[in-house]
PDB file of N, CA and C in Angstrom:
ATOM      1  N   MET A   1      60.929 129.334  93.949  1.00  0.00           N
ATOM      2  CA  MET A   1      62.352 129.101  93.956  1.00  0.00           C
ATOM      3  C   MET A   1      63.040 130.236  93.187  1.00  0.00           C
ATOM      4  N   THR A   2      64.100 130.766  93.768  1.00  0.00           N
ATOM      5  CA  THR A   2      64.829 131.841  93.102  1.00  0.00           C
ATOM      6  C   THR A   2      65.708 131.277  91.987  1.00  0.00           C
ATOM      7  N   LEU A   3      66.204 132.144  91.139  1.00  0.00           N
ATOM      8  CA  LEU A   3      67.099 131.705  90.071  1.00  0.00           C
ATOM      9  C   LEU A   3      68.355 131.070  90.664  1.00  0.00           C
ATOM     10  N   ASP A   4      68.913 131.648  91.719  1.00  0.00           N
ATOM     11  CA  ASP A   4      70.095 131.068  92.364  1.00  0.00           C
ATOM     12  C   ASP A   4      69.806 129.666  92.903  1.00  0.00           C
ATOM     13  N   GLU A   5      68.632 129.469  93.489  1.00  0.00           N
ATOM     14  CA  GLU A   5      68.254 128.147  93.989  1.00  0.00           C
ATOM     15  C   GLU A   5      68.102 127.150  92.843  1.00  0.00           C
ATOM     16  N   LYS A   6      67.536 127.580  91.749  1.00  0.00           N
ATOM     17  CA  LYS A   6      67.385 126.705  90.589  1.00  0.00           C
ATOM     18  C   LYS A   6      68.745 126.301  90.030  1.00  0.00           C
ATOM     19  N   ILE A   7      69.642 127.265  89.921  1.00  0.00           N
ATOM     20  CA  ILE A   7      70.983 126.967  89.425  1.00  0.00           C
ATOM     21  C   ILE A   7      71.703 126.014  90.374  1.00  0.00           C
ATOM     22  N   ALA A   8      71.540 126.194  91.678  1.00  0.00           N
ATOM     23  CA  ALA A   8      72.175 125.322  92.665  1.00  0.00           C
ATOM     24  C   ALA A   8      71.714 123.880  92.510  1.00  0.00           C
ATOM     25  N   GLN A   9      70.493 123.676  92.037  1.00  0.00           N
ATOM     26  CA  GLN A   9      69.976 122.322  91.846  1.00  0.00           C
ATOM     27  C   GLN A   9      70.762 121.537  90.801  1.00  0.00           C
ATOM     28  N   LEU A  10      71.541 122.212  89.985  1.00  0.00           N
ATOM     29  CA  LEU A  10      72.346 121.546  88.969  1.00  0.00           C
ATOM     30  C   LEU A  10      73.662 121.020  89.530  1.00  0.00           C
ATOM     31  N   GLY A  11      74.003 121.412  90.739  1.00  0.00           N
ATOM     32  CA  GLY A  11      75.297 121.070  91.303  1.00  0.00           C
ATOM     33  C   GLY A  11      75.255 119.942  92.315  1.00  0.00           C
ATOM     34  N   ALA A  12      76.447 119.557  92.745  1.00  0.00           N
ATOM     35  CA  ALA A  12      76.602 118.508  93.751  1.00  0.00           C
ATOM     36  C   ALA A  12      77.843 118.799  94.579  1.00  0.00           C
ATOM     37  N   VAL A  13      77.882 118.262  95.768  1.00  0.00           N
ATOM     38  CA  VAL A  13      79.071 118.344  96.606  1.00  0.00           C
ATOM     39  C   VAL A  13      79.402 116.945  97.103  1.00  0.00           C
ATOM     40  N   TRP A  14      80.657 116.739  97.455  1.00  0.00           N
ATOM     41  CA  TRP A  14      81.095 115.476  98.038  1.00  0.00           C
ATOM     42  C   TRP A  14      80.855 115.516  99.547  1.00  0.00           C
ATOM     43  N   PRO A  15      80.636 114.371 100.167  1.00  0.00           N
ATOM     44  CA  PRO A  15      80.413 114.340 101.613  1.00  0.00           C
ATOM     45  C   PRO A  15      81.524 115.029 102.409  1.00  0.00           C
ATOM     46  N   ARG A  16      82.768 114.898 101.994  1.00  0.00           N
ATOM     47  CA  ARG A  16      83.869 115.511 102.751  1.00  0.00           C
ATOM     48  C   ARG A  16      83.776 117.035 102.764  1.00  0.00           C
ATOM     49  N   GLN A  17      83.051 117.611 101.803  1.00  0.00           N
ATOM     50  CA  GLN A  17      82.898 119.062 101.755  1.00  0.00           C
ATOM     51  C   GLN A  17      81.889 119.571 102.780  1.00  0.00           C
ATOM     52  N   VAL A  18      81.054 118.694 103.287  1.00  0.00           N
ATOM     53  CA  VAL A  18      80.000 119.101 104.220  1.00  0.00           C
ATOM     54  C   VAL A  18      80.064 118.315 105.534  1.00  0.00           C
ATOM     55  N   SER A  19      81.255 117.797 105.848  1.00  0.00           N
ATOM     56  CA  SER A  19      81.386 117.012 107.071  1.00  0.00           C
ATOM     57  C   SER A  19      82.625 117.425 107.846  1.00  0.00           C
ATOM     58  N   THR A  20      82.598 117.084 109.116  1.00  0.00           N
ATOM     59  CA  THR A  20      83.727 117.255 110.010  1.00  0.00           C
ATOM     60  C   THR A  20      83.825 115.972 110.814  1.00  0.00           C
ATOM     61  N   ASP A  21      84.990 115.356 110.812  1.00  0.00           N
ATOM     62  CA  ASP A  21      85.207 114.101 111.551  1.00  0.00           C
ATOM     63  C   ASP A  21      84.160 113.048 111.194  1.00  0.00           C
ATOM     64  N   ASP A  22      83.892 112.889 109.907  1.00  0.00           N
ATOM     65  CA  ASP A  22      82.944 111.896 109.387  1.00  0.00           C
ATOM     66  C   ASP A  22      81.509 112.094 109.868  1.00  0.00           C
ATOM     67  N   ARG A  23      81.172 113.292 110.304  1.00  0.00           N
ATOM     68  CA  ARG A  23      79.796 113.612 110.696  1.00  0.00           C
ATOM     69  C   ARG A  23      79.338 114.806 109.867  1.00  0.00           C
ATOM     70  N   PHE A  24      78.080 114.774 109.483  1.00  0.00           N
ATOM     71  CA  PHE A  24      77.522 115.896 108.742  1.00  0.00           C
ATOM     72  C   PHE A  24      77.629 117.150 109.586  1.00  0.00           C
ATOM     73  N   ASP A  25      78.111 118.228 108.997  1.00  0.00           N
ATOM     74  CA  ASP A  25      78.326 119.489 109.705  1.00  0.00           C
ATOM     75  C   ASP A  25      77.429 120.560 109.076  1.00  0.00           C
ATOM     76  N   PRO A  26      76.295 120.875 109.700  1.00  0.00           N
ATOM     77  CA  PRO A  26      75.357 121.838 109.118  1.00  0.00           C
ATOM     78  C   PRO A  26      75.966 123.210 108.848  1.00  0.00           C
ATOM     79  N   GLN A  27      76.853 123.666 109.716  1.00  0.00           N
ATOM     80  CA  GLN A  27      77.472 124.977 109.504  1.00  0.00           C
ATOM     81  C   GLN A  27      78.391 124.957 108.287  1.00  0.00           C
ATOM     82  N   ARG A  28      79.151 123.907 108.156  1.00  0.00           N
ATOM     83  CA  ARG A  28      80.034 123.790 106.984  1.00  0.00           C
ATOM     84  C   ARG A  28      79.202 123.657 105.715  1.00  0.00           C
ATOM     85  N   ALA A  29      78.140 122.865 105.790  1.00  0.00           N
ATOM     86  CA  ALA A  29      77.267 122.684 104.631  1.00  0.00           C
ATOM     87  C   ALA A  29      76.640 124.002 104.220  1.00  0.00           C
ATOM     88  N   ALA A  30      76.200 124.786 105.180  1.00  0.00           N
ATOM     89  CA  ALA A  30      75.577 126.076 104.865  1.00  0.00           C
ATOM     90  C   ALA A  30      76.564 127.011 104.174  1.00  0.00           C
ATOM     91  N   SER A  31      77.842 126.904 104.522  1.00  0.00           N
ATOM     92  CA  SER A  31      78.826 127.768 103.875  1.00  0.00           C
ATOM     93  C   SER A  31      79.194 127.267 102.478  1.00  0.00           C
ATOM     94  N   VAL A  32      79.093 125.960 102.248  1.00  0.00           N
ATOM     95  CA  VAL A  32      79.448 125.378 100.951  1.00  0.00           C
ATOM     96  C   VAL A  32      78.301 125.502  99.958  1.00  0.00           C
ATOM     97  N   MET A  33      77.094 125.409 100.447  1.00  0.00           N
ATOM     98  CA  MET A  33      75.935 125.403  99.553  1.00  0.00           C
ATOM     99  C   MET A  33      74.848 126.364 100.034  1.00  0.00           C
ATOM    100  N   PRO A  34      75.151 127.659 100.105  1.00  0.00           N
ATOM    101  CA  PRO A  34      74.171 128.607 100.655  1.00  0.00           C
ATOM    102  C   PRO A  34      72.833 128.652  99.937  1.00  0.00           C
ATOM    103  N   PRO A  35      72.778 128.614  98.585  1.00  0.00           N
ATOM    104  CA  PRO A  35      71.457 128.675  97.964  1.00  0.00           C
ATOM    105  C   PRO A  35      70.811 127.298  97.809  1.00  0.00           C
ATOM    106  N   GLY A  36      71.468 126.250  98.285  1.00  0.00           N
ATOM    107  CA  GLY A  36      70.954 124.899  98.130  1.00  0.00           C
ATOM    108  C   GLY A  36      71.913 124.054  97.315  1.00  0.00           C
ATOM    109  N   ILE A  37      71.475 122.846  96.995  1.00  0.00           N
ATOM    110  CA  ILE A  37      72.318 121.934  96.224  1.00  0.00           C
ATOM    111  C   ILE A  37      71.429 120.884  95.583  1.00  0.00           C
ATOM    112  N   GLY A  38      71.842 120.388  94.447  1.00  0.00           N
ATOM    113  CA  GLY A  38      71.094 119.325  93.784  1.00  0.00           C
ATOM    114  C   GLY A  38      71.176 118.023  94.562  1.00  0.00           C
ATOM    115  N   HIS A  39      72.403 117.674  94.972  1.00  0.00           N
ATOM    116  CA  HIS A  39      72.572 116.479  95.795  1.00  0.00           C
ATOM    117  C   HIS A  39      73.965 116.425  96.401  1.00  0.00           C
ATOM    118  N   ILE A  40      74.076 115.629  97.451  1.00  0.00           N
ATOM    119  CA  ILE A  40      75.373 115.284  98.023  1.00  0.00           C
ATOM    120  C   ILE A  40      75.685 113.921  97.425  1.00  0.00           C
ATOM    121  N   THR A  41      76.751 113.852  96.682  1.00  0.00           N
ATOM    122  CA  THR A  41      77.006 112.693  95.852  1.00  0.00           C
ATOM    123  C   THR A  41      77.741 111.567  96.569  1.00  0.00           C
ATOM    124  N   ARG A  42      77.326 110.370  96.295  1.00  0.00           N
ATOM    125  CA  ARG A  42      78.029 109.141  96.682  1.00  0.00           C
ATOM    126  C   ARG A  42      78.406 109.071  98.158  1.00  0.00           C
ATOM    127  N   ILE A  43      77.449 109.287  99.031  1.00  0.00           N
ATOM    128  CA  ILE A  43      77.728 109.254 100.471  1.00  0.00           C
ATOM    129  C   ILE A  43      78.304 107.894 100.866  1.00  0.00           C
ATOM    130  N   ALA A  44      77.691 106.829 100.432  1.00  0.00           N
ATOM    131  CA  ALA A  44      78.148 105.493 100.821  1.00  0.00           C
ATOM    132  C   ALA A  44      79.469 105.118 100.162  1.00  0.00           C
ATOM    133  N   ALA A  45      79.664 105.512  98.916  1.00  0.00           N
ATOM    134  CA  ALA A  45      80.862 105.097  98.183  1.00  0.00           C
ATOM    135  C   ALA A  45      82.092 105.935  98.508  1.00  0.00           C
ATOM    136  N   SER A  46      81.906 107.125  99.065  1.00  0.00           N
ATOM    137  CA  SER A  46      83.056 107.997  99.298  1.00  0.00           C
ATOM    138  C   SER A  46      83.384 108.189 100.771  1.00  0.00           C
ATOM    139  N   THR A  47      82.756 107.394 101.627  1.00  0.00           N
ATOM    140  CA  THR A  47      83.054 107.448 103.055  1.00  0.00           C
ATOM    141  C   THR A  47      83.272 106.026 103.559  1.00  0.00           C
ATOM    142  N   VAL A  48      83.719 105.909 104.780  1.00  0.00           N
ATOM    143  CA  VAL A  48      83.875 104.596 105.415  1.00  0.00           C
ATOM    144  C   VAL A  48      82.802 104.385 106.478  1.00  0.00           C
ATOM    145  N   LEU A  49      81.718 105.142 106.377  1.00  0.00           N
ATOM    146  CA  LEU A  49      80.661 105.072 107.377  1.00  0.00           C
ATOM    147  C   LEU A  49      79.879 103.769 107.267  1.00  0.00           C
ATOM    148  N   ALA A  50      79.538 103.211 108.421  1.00  0.00           N
ATOM    149  CA  ALA A  50      78.683 102.027 108.482  1.00  0.00           C
ATOM    150  C   ALA A  50      77.252 102.442 108.164  1.00  0.00           C
ATOM    151  N   PRO A  51      76.399 101.496 107.770  1.00  0.00           N
ATOM    152  CA  PRO A  51      75.028 101.846 107.382  1.00  0.00           C
ATOM    153  C   PRO A  51      74.269 102.743 108.368  1.00  0.00           C
ATOM    154  N   PRO A  52      74.306 102.507 109.673  1.00  0.00           N
ATOM    155  CA  PRO A  52      73.574 103.422 110.570  1.00  0.00           C
ATOM    156  C   PRO A  52      74.105 104.856 110.496  1.00  0.00           C
ATOM    157  N   ALA A  53      75.431 105.009 110.417  1.00  0.00           N
ATOM    158  CA  ALA A  53      76.022 106.342 110.321  1.00  0.00           C
ATOM    159  C   ALA A  53      75.707 106.977 108.972  1.00  0.00           C
ATOM    160  N   LEU A  54      75.661 106.178 107.912  1.00  0.00           N
ATOM    161  CA  LEU A  54      75.270 106.696 106.599  1.00  0.00           C
ATOM    162  C   LEU A  54      73.853 107.248 106.639  1.00  0.00           C
ATOM    163  N   ALA A  55      72.972 106.516 107.290  1.00  0.00           N
ATOM    164  CA  ALA A  55      71.580 106.960 107.397  1.00  0.00           C
ATOM    165  C   ALA A  55      71.487 108.264 108.180  1.00  0.00           C
ATOM    166  N   ARG A  56      72.227 108.371 109.282  1.00  0.00           N
ATOM    167  CA  ARG A  56      72.226 109.615 110.064  1.00  0.00           C
ATOM    168  C   ARG A  56      72.747 110.777 109.232  1.00  0.00           C
ATOM    169  N   PHE A  57      73.842 110.555 108.513  1.00  0.00           N
ATOM    170  CA  PHE A  57      74.425 111.592 107.662  1.00  0.00           C
ATOM    171  C   PHE A  57      73.405 112.064 106.638  1.00  0.00           C
ATOM    172  N   ALA A  58      72.790 111.135 105.931  1.00  0.00           N
ATOM    173  CA  ALA A  58      71.807 111.482 104.905  1.00  0.00           C
ATOM    174  C   ALA A  58      70.588 112.180 105.504  1.00  0.00           C
ATOM    175  N   ASN A  59      70.119 111.713 106.645  1.00  0.00           N
ATOM    176  CA  ASN A  59      68.959 112.328 107.295  1.00  0.00           C
ATOM    177  C   ASN A  59      69.260 113.760 107.739  1.00  0.00           C
ATOM    178  N   GLU A  60      70.449 113.981 108.291  1.00  0.00           N
ATOM    179  CA  GLU A  60      70.813 115.332 108.716  1.00  0.00           C
ATOM    180  C   GLU A  60      70.934 116.263 107.514  1.00  0.00           C
ATOM    181  N   ALA A  61      71.503 115.772 106.424  1.00  0.00           N
ATOM    182  CA  ALA A  61      71.608 116.574 105.211  1.00  0.00           C
ATOM    183  C   ALA A  61      70.220 116.911 104.673  1.00  0.00           C
ATOM    184  N   GLN A  62      69.329 115.948 104.714  1.00  0.00           N
ATOM    185  CA  GLN A  62      67.967 116.172 104.227  1.00  0.00           C
ATOM    186  C   GLN A  62      67.243 117.214 105.081  1.00  0.00           C
ATOM    187  N   ARG A  63      67.452 117.184 106.398  1.00  0.00           N
ATOM    188  CA  ARG A  63      66.822 118.174 107.263  1.00  0.00           C
ATOM    189  C   ARG A  63      67.294 119.580 106.914  1.00  0.00           C
ATOM    190  N   LEU A  64      68.578 119.727 106.598  1.00  0.00           N
ATOM    191  CA  LEU A  64      69.098 121.038 106.217  1.00  0.00           C
ATOM    192  C   LEU A  64      68.479 121.490 104.901  1.00  0.00           C
ATOM    193  N   ALA A  65      68.223 120.554 104.005  1.00  0.00           N
ATOM    194  CA  ALA A  65      67.698 120.896 102.690  1.00  0.00           C
ATOM    195  C   ALA A  65      66.245 121.371 102.733  1.00  0.00           C
ATOM    196  N   HIS A  66      65.548 121.047 103.791  1.00  0.00           N
ATOM    197  CA  HIS A  66      64.138 121.468 103.870  1.00  0.00           C
ATOM    198  C   HIS A  66      64.008 122.824 104.430  1.00  0.00           C
TER     199      HIS A  66
END
């Protein structure tokens, strides 16, 4: 892990920063968190997404993180 990646692990972003129309947007996420991110905070508490959509959002974010 590079120093920039390690530093990025200390940060967080809100779901609205990495989404478009309540869907996870990989291109937007890549521009917001290029070296990575510690976590996307409070997905369930800061959106109006139903549980299946929350799971899709989290799964897509996790795929980008790998």
